[in-house]
Amino acid sequence: MDISVLGPLEIRIDGNFIVPSAGKPRQLLALLALRAGRLVQVPTLMEEAWGARIPRSAQTTLQTYVLQLRRRIAAALPAGTPQTAKEVLATRLGGYQLTGAVHDSDLRTFHRLTAEGSAALDAGDAHRAADALGRALRLWRGPALADVPVGPVLETEILGMDEARTRAMELRVEADLRLGRHAEILSELRMLTARHPMHENFSAQLMVAYYRSGHTWRALETYQRLRGALVGELGVEPSRRVQRLHQLVLGGSPEPAHPELPEFALEVAR
């Protein structure tokens, strides 16, 4: 079984596409796929499908959706396989479980590559980190589960995936900064700070990239824009480490290394 969730939902068995076109069965299959190998309890499936307004017929309707999914699985299974659709999408005490062996999962690969990149960065190998993190981010084909109706349970799952993607972006940009690629990533960082105006790390990384590229005034402008967003929306000042980075840029310090600064800003200029 191949599972792809970092974009439109794609699930294949022996190369055969099994995702239904109907919204709710697609929604439930997405949740079962995200938790492949684990029990998903009936109340969780019902909450995802109907939210707080679960109809009296929910149990019967859920069983109908499972039957529809099993039919698609049965049609996709290769001839002669010992497994049945009921074994691939198994009924368990209190719920259902997708048990088919997962040959490939873009989400699992993303997490593995992100962990490799983070470890490489910690070890001081920026080249290996940038490569692993770049490969992880290229697995994304759009928003997670882009073509799936989303209920409260999937919404939480997607939030976690999006946060992991943002963290991978931070780490990859940090690796690029350590490799001296500040000029190459300016446009990407401008886009990221526009999308995330209160994200301190992206703004600090953009400050570093501008400063190293000889655009001190743009680095200072980035700080003021971040400060305006934080004060205006939350009533708080930027963190001490970002304020310290601002002071170093403001003073034009050639030796700005400081333990209070974030990892990506240990060197502002070279």
C-alpha atoms as a PDB file:
ATOM      1  CA  MET A   1       0.000   0.000   0.000  1.00  0.00           C
ATOM      2  CA  ASP A   2       1.267   3.453  -0.952  1.00  0.00           C
ATOM      3  CA  ILE A   3      -0.112   6.434   0.970  1.00  0.00           C
ATOM      4  CA  SER A   4       0.326  10.079  -0.025  1.00  0.00           C
ATOM      5  CA  VAL A   5      -1.219  12.817   2.128  1.00  0.00           C
ATOM      6  CA  LEU A   6       1.121  15.774   1.531  1.00  0.00           C
ATOM      7  CA  GLY A   7      -1.159  17.217  -1.125  1.00  0.00           C
ATOM      8  CA  PRO A   8      -4.246  15.574  -2.664  1.00  0.00           C
ATOM      9  CA  LEU A   9      -5.006  12.206  -1.062  1.00  0.00           C
ATOM     10  CA  GLU A  10      -3.603   9.245  -2.987  1.00  0.00           C
ATOM     11  CA  ILE A  11      -3.794   5.676  -1.717  1.00  0.00           C
ATOM     12  CA  ARG A  12      -2.897   2.772  -3.971  1.00  0.00           C
ATOM     13  CA  ILE A  13      -2.845  -0.978  -3.508  1.00  0.00           C
ATOM     14  CA  ASP A  14      -0.668  -2.789  -6.024  1.00  0.00           C
ATOM     15  CA  GLY A  15      -0.700   0.441  -8.044  1.00  0.00           C
ATOM     16  CA  ASN A  16      -4.516   0.647  -8.070  1.00  0.00           C
ATOM     17  CA  PHE A  17      -6.124   3.864  -6.815  1.00  0.00           C
ATOM     18  CA  ILE A  18      -8.668   3.206  -4.037  1.00  0.00           C
ATOM     19  CA  VAL A  19      -9.699   6.717  -2.911  1.00  0.00           C
ATOM     20  CA  PRO A  20     -13.461   7.187  -3.385  1.00  0.00           C
ATOM     21  CA  SER A  21     -14.907  10.334  -4.936  1.00  0.00           C
ATOM     22  CA  ALA A  22     -17.651  10.725  -2.301  1.00  0.00           C
ATOM     23  CA  GLY A  23     -16.711  13.157   0.441  1.00  0.00           C
ATOM     24  CA  LYS A  24     -17.346  11.312   3.694  1.00  0.00           C
ATOM     25  CA  PRO A  25     -15.851   7.940   2.678  1.00  0.00           C
ATOM     26  CA  ARG A  26     -12.806   9.844   1.389  1.00  0.00           C
ATOM     27  CA  GLN A  27     -12.633  11.708   4.696  1.00  0.00           C
ATOM     28  CA  LEU A  28     -12.759   8.508   6.758  1.00  0.00           C
ATOM     29  CA  LEU A  29     -10.211   6.750   4.539  1.00  0.00           C
ATOM     30  CA  ALA A  30      -7.845   9.711   5.009  1.00  0.00           C
ATOM     31  CA  LEU A  31      -8.083   9.394   8.794  1.00  0.00           C
ATOM     32  CA  LEU A  32      -7.612   5.624   8.688  1.00  0.00           C
ATOM     33  CA  ALA A  33      -4.593   6.065   6.389  1.00  0.00           C
ATOM     34  CA  LEU A  34      -2.973   8.668   8.642  1.00  0.00           C
ATOM     35  CA  ARG A  35      -3.280   6.187  11.492  1.00  0.00           C
ATOM     36  CA  ALA A  36      -2.491   3.084   9.444  1.00  0.00           C
ATOM     37  CA  GLY A  37      -1.662   0.157  11.702  1.00  0.00           C
ATOM     38  CA  ARG A  38      -3.506   1.725  14.628  1.00  0.00           C
ATOM     39  CA  LEU A  39      -7.072   1.347  15.841  1.00  0.00           C
ATOM     40  CA  VAL A  40      -9.360   4.266  15.058  1.00  0.00           C
ATOM     41  CA  GLN A  41     -12.325   4.125  17.403  1.00  0.00           C
ATOM     42  CA  VAL A  42     -15.872   4.499  16.141  1.00  0.00           C
ATOM     43  CA  PRO A  43     -16.552   7.695  18.164  1.00  0.00           C
ATOM     44  CA  THR A  44     -13.452   9.295  16.582  1.00  0.00           C
ATOM     45  CA  LEU A  45     -14.643   8.383  13.084  1.00  0.00           C
ATOM     46  CA  MET A  46     -18.100   9.739  13.869  1.00  0.00           C
ATOM     47  CA  GLU A  47     -16.682  12.967  15.263  1.00  0.00           C
ATOM     48  CA  GLU A  48     -14.638  13.432  12.107  1.00  0.00           C
ATOM     49  CA  ALA A  49     -17.589  12.748   9.807  1.00  0.00           C
ATOM     50  CA  TRP A  50     -20.323  14.671  11.629  1.00  0.00           C
ATOM     51  CA  GLY A  51     -18.674  16.853  14.271  1.00  0.00           C
ATOM     52  CA  ALA A  52     -20.862  17.557  17.286  1.00  0.00           C
ATOM     53  CA  ARG A  53     -24.078  16.778  15.391  1.00  0.00           C
ATOM     54  CA  ILE A  54     -23.935  13.013  15.102  1.00  0.00           C
ATOM     55  CA  PRO A  55     -27.185  11.642  13.622  1.00  0.00           C
ATOM     56  CA  ARG A  56     -29.022   8.664  15.074  1.00  0.00           C
ATOM     57  CA  SER A  57     -28.256   6.711  11.921  1.00  0.00           C
ATOM     58  CA  ALA A  58     -24.491   7.337  12.247  1.00  0.00           C
ATOM     59  CA  GLN A  59     -23.596   3.758  13.212  1.00  0.00           C
ATOM     60  CA  THR A  60     -25.398   2.272  10.215  1.00  0.00           C
ATOM     61  CA  THR A  61     -24.119   4.959   7.859  1.00  0.00           C
ATOM     62  CA  LEU A  62     -20.541   4.421   9.063  1.00  0.00           C
ATOM     63  CA  GLN A  63     -20.839   0.706   8.369  1.00  0.00           C
ATOM     64  CA  THR A  64     -22.062   1.559   4.855  1.00  0.00           C
ATOM     65  CA  TYR A  65     -19.000   3.756   4.275  1.00  0.00           C
ATOM     66  CA  VAL A  66     -16.700   0.975   5.480  1.00  0.00           C
ATOM     67  CA  LEU A  67     -18.425  -1.458   3.115  1.00  0.00           C
ATOM     68  CA  GLN A  68     -17.857   0.970   0.216  1.00  0.00           C
ATOM     69  CA  LEU A  69     -14.174   1.261   1.094  1.00  0.00           C
ATOM     70  CA  ARG A  70     -13.793  -2.512   1.326  1.00  0.00           C
ATOM     71  CA  ARG A  71     -15.289  -2.902  -2.131  1.00  0.00           C
ATOM     72  CA  ARG A  72     -12.684  -0.552  -3.542  1.00  0.00           C
ATOM     73  CA  ILE A  73      -9.939  -2.386  -1.673  1.00  0.00           C
ATOM     74  CA  ALA A  74     -11.185  -5.748  -2.933  1.00  0.00           C
ATOM     75  CA  ALA A  75     -11.122  -4.503  -6.531  1.00  0.00           C
ATOM     76  CA  ALA A  76      -7.542  -3.281  -6.070  1.00  0.00           C
ATOM     77  CA  LEU A  77      -6.066  -6.382  -4.460  1.00  0.00           C
ATOM     78  CA  PRO A  78      -3.880  -8.416  -6.829  1.00  0.00           C
ATOM     79  CA  ALA A  79      -5.145 -11.762  -8.035  1.00  0.00           C
ATOM     80  CA  GLY A  80      -4.093 -14.635  -5.830  1.00  0.00           C
ATOM     81  CA  THR A  81      -3.353 -12.534  -2.765  1.00  0.00           C
ATOM     82  CA  PRO A  82      -4.160 -14.323   0.500  1.00  0.00           C
ATOM     83  CA  GLN A  83      -5.480 -11.094   2.044  1.00  0.00           C
ATOM     84  CA  THR A  84      -9.113 -10.081   1.852  1.00  0.00           C
ATOM     85  CA  ALA A  85     -10.550  -6.577   1.955  1.00  0.00           C
ATOM     86  CA  LYS A  86     -11.910  -7.316   5.438  1.00  0.00           C
ATOM     87  CA  GLU A  87      -8.377  -8.068   6.581  1.00  0.00           C
ATOM     88  CA  VAL A  88      -6.917  -4.926   5.001  1.00  0.00           C
ATOM     89  CA  LEU A  89      -9.619  -2.728   6.540  1.00  0.00           C
ATOM     90  CA  ALA A  90     -10.240  -4.749   9.669  1.00  0.00           C
ATOM     91  CA  THR A  91     -12.999  -4.502  12.236  1.00  0.00           C
ATOM     92  CA  ARG A  92     -11.548  -4.260  15.718  1.00  0.00           C
ATOM     93  CA  LEU A  93     -13.178  -4.043  19.126  1.00  0.00           C
ATOM     94  CA  GLY A  94     -14.563  -0.522  19.200  1.00  0.00           C
ATOM     95  CA  GLY A  95     -13.372   0.600  15.787  1.00  0.00           C
ATOM     96  CA  TYR A  96     -11.546  -0.065  12.531  1.00  0.00           C
ATOM     97  CA  GLN A  97      -7.931  -0.419  11.513  1.00  0.00           C
ATOM     98  CA  LEU A  98      -6.157  -0.164   8.170  1.00  0.00           C
ATOM     99  CA  THR A  99      -3.788  -3.119   8.429  1.00  0.00           C
ATOM    100  CA  GLY A 100      -2.304  -3.446   4.937  1.00  0.00           C
ATOM    101  CA  ALA A 101       1.482  -3.217   4.854  1.00  0.00           C
ATOM    102  CA  VAL A 102       2.503   0.350   3.976  1.00  0.00           C
ATOM    103  CA  HIS A 103       5.177   0.149   1.282  1.00  0.00           C
ATOM    104  CA  ASP A 104       5.542   3.902   0.916  1.00  0.00           C
ATOM    105  CA  SER A 105       4.211   6.875   2.892  1.00  0.00           C
ATOM    106  CA  ASP A 106       5.184  10.424   1.965  1.00  0.00           C
ATOM    107  CA  LEU A 107       4.459  11.596   5.518  1.00  0.00           C
ATOM    108  CA  ARG A 108       6.724   8.966   7.099  1.00  0.00           C
ATOM    109  CA  THR A 109       9.462   9.769   4.588  1.00  0.00           C
ATOM    110  CA  PHE A 110       9.052  13.479   5.323  1.00  0.00           C
ATOM    111  CA  HIS A 111       9.478  12.921   9.069  1.00  0.00           C
ATOM    112  CA  ARG A 112      12.486  10.645   8.504  1.00  0.00           C
ATOM    113  CA  LEU A 113      14.257  13.144   6.239  1.00  0.00           C
ATOM    114  CA  THR A 114      13.446  16.034   8.575  1.00  0.00           C
ATOM    115  CA  ALA A 115      14.965  14.117  11.491  1.00  0.00           C
ATOM    116  CA  GLU A 116      18.056  13.345   9.390  1.00  0.00           C
ATOM    117  CA  GLY A 117      18.416  16.996   8.434  1.00  0.00           C
ATOM    118  CA  SER A 118      17.990  18.203  12.000  1.00  0.00           C
ATOM    119  CA  ALA A 119      20.593  15.732  13.261  1.00  0.00           C
ATOM    120  CA  ALA A 120      23.024  16.748  10.506  1.00  0.00           C
ATOM    121  CA  LEU A 121      22.583  20.405  11.411  1.00  0.00           C
ATOM    122  CA  ASP A 122      23.253  19.638  15.076  1.00  0.00           C
ATOM    123  CA  ALA A 123      26.408  17.800  13.976  1.00  0.00           C
ATOM    124  CA  GLY A 124      27.581  20.811  11.949  1.00  0.00           C
ATOM    125  CA  ASP A 125      27.053  19.207   8.527  1.00  0.00           C
ATOM    126  CA  ALA A 126      25.100  21.959   6.773  1.00  0.00           C
ATOM    127  CA  HIS A 127      25.464  20.410   3.303  1.00  0.00           C
ATOM    128  CA  ARG A 128      23.880  17.127   4.373  1.00  0.00           C
ATOM    129  CA  ALA A 129      21.222  18.990   6.352  1.00  0.00           C
ATOM    130  CA  ALA A 130      20.246  21.187   3.412  1.00  0.00           C
ATOM    131  CA  ASP A 131      20.024  18.156   1.129  1.00  0.00           C
ATOM    132  CA  ALA A 132      17.871  16.063   3.478  1.00  0.00           C
ATOM    133  CA  LEU A 133      15.577  18.941   4.400  1.00  0.00           C
ATOM    134  CA  GLY A 134      15.232  19.998   0.780  1.00  0.00           C
ATOM    135  CA  ARG A 135      14.184  16.463  -0.180  1.00  0.00           C
ATOM    136  CA  ALA A 136      11.708  16.413   2.696  1.00  0.00           C
ATOM    137  CA  LEU A 137      10.067  19.662   1.611  1.00  0.00           C
ATOM    138  CA  ARG A 138       9.877  18.602  -2.036  1.00  0.00           C
ATOM    139  CA  LEU A 139       7.543  15.772  -0.992  1.00  0.00           C
ATOM    140  CA  TRP A 140       4.793  18.341  -0.475  1.00  0.00           C
ATOM    141  CA  ARG A 141       2.517  18.594  -3.526  1.00  0.00           C
ATOM    142  CA  GLY A 142       0.273  21.278  -2.037  1.00  0.00           C
ATOM    143  CA  PRO A 143      -1.661  21.657   1.221  1.00  0.00           C
ATOM    144  CA  ALA A 144      -1.987  18.416   3.171  1.00  0.00           C
ATOM    145  CA  LEU A 145      -5.131  16.468   2.207  1.00  0.00           C
ATOM    146  CA  ALA A 146      -5.967  19.250  -0.234  1.00  0.00           C
ATOM    147  CA  ASP A 147      -8.970  17.470  -1.782  1.00  0.00           C
ATOM    148  CA  VAL A 148     -10.459  15.940   1.391  1.00  0.00           C
ATOM    149  CA  PRO A 149     -13.365  17.374   3.407  1.00  0.00           C
ATOM    150  CA  VAL A 150     -11.976  18.144   6.851  1.00  0.00           C
ATOM    151  CA  GLY A 151     -13.670  17.601  10.197  1.00  0.00           C
ATOM    152  CA  PRO A 152     -12.332  18.325  13.698  1.00  0.00           C
ATOM    153  CA  VAL A 153     -10.043  15.282  13.900  1.00  0.00           C
ATOM    154  CA  LEU A 154      -8.382  15.751  10.502  1.00  0.00           C
ATOM    155  CA  GLU A 155      -8.101  19.465  11.196  1.00  0.00           C
ATOM    156  CA  THR A 156      -5.856  18.690  14.158  1.00  0.00           C
ATOM    157  CA  GLU A 157      -3.829  16.201  12.116  1.00  0.00           C
ATOM    158  CA  ILE A 158      -3.322  18.768   9.339  1.00  0.00           C
ATOM    159  CA  LEU A 159      -2.276  21.409  11.867  1.00  0.00           C
ATOM    160  CA  GLY A 160       0.453  19.072  13.106  1.00  0.00           C
ATOM    161  CA  MET A 161       1.646  18.371   9.566  1.00  0.00           C
ATOM    162  CA  ASP A 162       1.729  22.080   8.734  1.00  0.00           C
ATOM    163  CA  GLU A 163       3.724  22.851  11.876  1.00  0.00           C
ATOM    164  CA  ALA A 164       6.212  20.100  10.968  1.00  0.00           C
ATOM    165  CA  ARG A 165       6.537  21.597   7.471  1.00  0.00           C
ATOM    166  CA  THR A 166       7.186  25.060   8.903  1.00  0.00           C
ATOM    167  CA  ARG A 167       9.852  23.665  11.220  1.00  0.00           C
ATOM    168  CA  ALA A 168      11.518  21.868   8.309  1.00  0.00           C
ATOM    169  CA  MET A 169      11.558  25.158   6.385  1.00  0.00           C
ATOM    170  CA  GLU A 170      13.225  26.920   9.315  1.00  0.00           C
ATOM    171  CA  LEU A 171      15.910  24.260   9.539  1.00  0.00           C
ATOM    172  CA  ARG A 172      16.556  24.214   5.799  1.00  0.00           C
ATOM    173  CA  VAL A 173      16.896  28.006   5.687  1.00  0.00           C
ATOM    174  CA  GLU A 174      19.281  27.822   8.636  1.00  0.00           C
ATOM    175  CA  ALA A 175      21.364  25.249   6.756  1.00  0.00           C
ATOM    176  CA  ASP A 176      21.404  27.504   3.673  1.00  0.00           C
ATOM    177  CA  LEU A 177      22.503  30.474   5.782  1.00  0.00           C
ATOM    178  CA  ARG A 178      25.355  28.433   7.230  1.00  0.00           C
ATOM    179  CA  LEU A 179      26.386  27.595   3.656  1.00  0.00           C
ATOM    180  CA  GLY A 180      26.466  31.279   2.711  1.00  0.00           C
ATOM    181  CA  ARG A 181      23.440  31.098   0.416  1.00  0.00           C
ATOM    182  CA  HIS A 182      21.897  34.258   1.874  1.00  0.00           C
ATOM    183  CA  ALA A 183      21.385  35.994  -1.485  1.00  0.00           C
ATOM    184  CA  GLU A 184      19.782  32.889  -3.006  1.00  0.00           C
ATOM    185  CA  ILE A 185      17.086  32.582  -0.353  1.00  0.00           C
ATOM    186  CA  LEU A 186      16.072  36.234   0.003  1.00  0.00           C
ATOM    187  CA  SER A 187      12.981  35.940  -2.187  1.00  0.00           C
ATOM    188  CA  GLU A 188      11.839  32.785  -0.388  1.00  0.00           C
ATOM    189  CA  LEU A 189      12.290  34.440   3.001  1.00  0.00           C
ATOM    190  CA  ARG A 190      10.376  37.530   1.874  1.00  0.00           C
ATOM    191  CA  MET A 191       7.499  35.253   0.894  1.00  0.00           C
ATOM    192  CA  LEU A 192       7.670  33.346   4.193  1.00  0.00           C
ATOM    193  CA  THR A 193       7.630  36.499   6.304  1.00  0.00           C
ATOM    194  CA  ALA A 194       4.703  37.838   4.279  1.00  0.00           C
ATOM    195  CA  ARG A 195       2.777  34.638   4.952  1.00  0.00           C
ATOM    196  CA  HIS A 196       3.852  34.487   8.606  1.00  0.00           C
ATOM    197  CA  PRO A 197       4.203  38.130   9.728  1.00  0.00           C
ATOM    198  CA  MET A 198       4.510  37.196  13.431  1.00  0.00           C
ATOM    199  CA  HIS A 199       6.916  34.291  12.973  1.00  0.00           C
ATOM    200  CA  GLU A 200      10.070  35.469  14.731  1.00  0.00           C
ATOM    201  CA  ASN A 201      12.430  32.887  13.274  1.00  0.00           C
ATOM    202  CA  PHE A 202      11.601  33.640   9.647  1.00  0.00           C
ATOM    203  CA  SER A 203      11.942  37.387  10.277  1.00  0.00           C
ATOM    204  CA  ALA A 204      15.267  36.892  12.058  1.00  0.00           C
ATOM    205  CA  GLN A 205      16.524  34.708   9.224  1.00  0.00           C
ATOM    206  CA  LEU A 206      15.512  37.370   6.721  1.00  0.00           C
ATOM    207  CA  MET A 207      17.382  39.971   8.788  1.00  0.00           C
ATOM    208  CA  VAL A 208      20.497  37.813   8.669  1.00  0.00           C
ATOM    209  CA  ALA A 209      20.159  37.262   4.909  1.00  0.00           C
ATOM    210  CA  TYR A 210      19.672  40.979   4.235  1.00  0.00           C
ATOM    211  CA  TYR A 211      22.582  41.951   6.468  1.00  0.00           C
ATOM    212  CA  ARG A 212      24.958  39.495   4.830  1.00  0.00           C
ATOM    213  CA  SER A 213      23.828  40.733   1.413  1.00  0.00           C
ATOM    214  CA  GLY A 214      24.759  44.308   2.341  1.00  0.00           C
ATOM    215  CA  HIS A 215      21.187  45.570   2.852  1.00  0.00           C
ATOM    216  CA  THR A 216      21.363  46.715   6.463  1.00  0.00           C
ATOM    217  CA  TRP A 217      18.412  49.083   6.162  1.00  0.00           C
ATOM    218  CA  ARG A 218      16.215  46.274   4.857  1.00  0.00           C
ATOM    219  CA  ALA A 219      17.261  44.103   7.816  1.00  0.00           C
ATOM    220  CA  LEU A 220      16.242  46.898  10.182  1.00  0.00           C
ATOM    221  CA  GLU A 221      12.992  47.400   8.267  1.00  0.00           C
ATOM    222  CA  THR A 222      12.239  43.686   8.680  1.00  0.00           C
ATOM    223  CA  TYR A 223      12.664  44.002  12.434  1.00  0.00           C
ATOM    224  CA  GLN A 224      10.336  47.001  12.598  1.00  0.00           C
ATOM    225  CA  ARG A 225       7.722  45.166  10.544  1.00  0.00           C
ATOM    226  CA  LEU A 226       7.910  42.160  12.887  1.00  0.00           C
ATOM    227  CA  ARG A 227       7.712  44.408  15.938  1.00  0.00           C
ATOM    228  CA  GLY A 228       4.708  46.254  14.522  1.00  0.00           C
ATOM    229  CA  ALA A 229       2.879  42.971  13.894  1.00  0.00           C
ATOM    230  CA  LEU A 230       3.620  41.572  17.370  1.00  0.00           C
ATOM    231  CA  VAL A 231       2.770  44.767  19.240  1.00  0.00           C
ATOM    232  CA  GLY A 232      -0.292  45.480  17.126  1.00  0.00           C
ATOM    233  CA  GLU A 233      -1.767  41.971  17.242  1.00  0.00           C
ATOM    234  CA  LEU A 234      -0.556  40.580  20.564  1.00  0.00           C
ATOM    235  CA  GLY A 235       0.695  43.548  22.537  1.00  0.00           C
ATOM    236  CA  VAL A 236       4.140  41.993  23.012  1.00  0.00           C
ATOM    237  CA  GLU A 237       7.653  42.960  21.962  1.00  0.00           C
ATOM    238  CA  PRO A 238       9.927  40.646  19.959  1.00  0.00           C
ATOM    239  CA  SER A 239      11.844  38.140  22.058  1.00  0.00           C
ATOM    240  CA  ARG A 240      15.147  39.121  23.650  1.00  0.00           C
ATOM    241  CA  ARG A 241      17.176  37.075  21.165  1.00  0.00           C
ATOM    242  CA  VAL A 242      15.606  38.890  18.185  1.00  0.00           C
ATOM    243  CA  GLN A 243      16.059  42.258  19.915  1.00  0.00           C
ATOM    244  CA  ARG A 244      19.713  41.339  20.417  1.00  0.00           C
ATOM    245  CA  LEU A 245      20.025  40.488  16.725  1.00  0.00           C
ATOM    246  CA  HIS A 246      18.480  43.871  15.907  1.00  0.00           C
ATOM    247  CA  GLN A 247      21.060  45.633  18.072  1.00  0.00           C
ATOM    248  CA  LEU A 248      23.899  43.759  16.405  1.00  0.00           C
ATOM    249  CA  VAL A 249      22.653  44.708  12.942  1.00  0.00           C
ATOM    250  CA  LEU A 250      22.047  48.280  14.071  1.00  0.00           C
ATOM    251  CA  GLY A 251      25.595  48.521  15.377  1.00  0.00           C
ATOM    252  CA  GLY A 252      27.102  46.848  12.321  1.00  0.00           C
ATOM    253  CA  SER A 253      29.012  44.425  14.538  1.00  0.00           C
ATOM    254  CA  PRO A 254      31.439  42.227  12.600  1.00  0.00           C
ATOM    255  CA  GLU A 255      31.561  39.765  15.501  1.00  0.00           C
ATOM    256  CA  PRO A 256      27.915  39.238  16.394  1.00  0.00           C
ATOM    257  CA  ALA A 257      28.102  35.717  17.793  1.00  0.00           C
ATOM    258  CA  HIS A 258      26.229  35.596  21.064  1.00  0.00           C
ATOM    259  CA  PRO A 259      24.778  32.684  23.067  1.00  0.00           C
ATOM    260  CA  GLU A 260      21.386  34.376  23.329  1.00  0.00           C
ATOM    261  CA  LEU A 261      20.889  34.432  19.576  1.00  0.00           C
ATOM    262  CA  PRO A 262      18.986  31.696  17.776  1.00  0.00           C
ATOM    263  CA  GLU A 263      21.035  28.955  16.136  1.00  0.00           C
ATOM    264  CA  PHE A 264      20.554  30.349  12.662  1.00  0.00           C
ATOM    265  CA  ALA A 265      21.899  33.774  13.673  1.00  0.00           C
ATOM    266  CA  LEU A 266      25.100  32.824  15.433  1.00  0.00           C
ATOM    267  CA  GLU A 267      26.937  34.611  12.624  1.00  0.00           C
ATOM    268  CA  VAL A 268      25.301  37.660  11.082  1.00  0.00           C
ATOM    269  CA  ALA A 269      28.143  38.604   8.780  1.00  0.00           C
ATOM    270  CA  ARG A 270      31.201  37.018   7.258  1.00  0.00           C
END
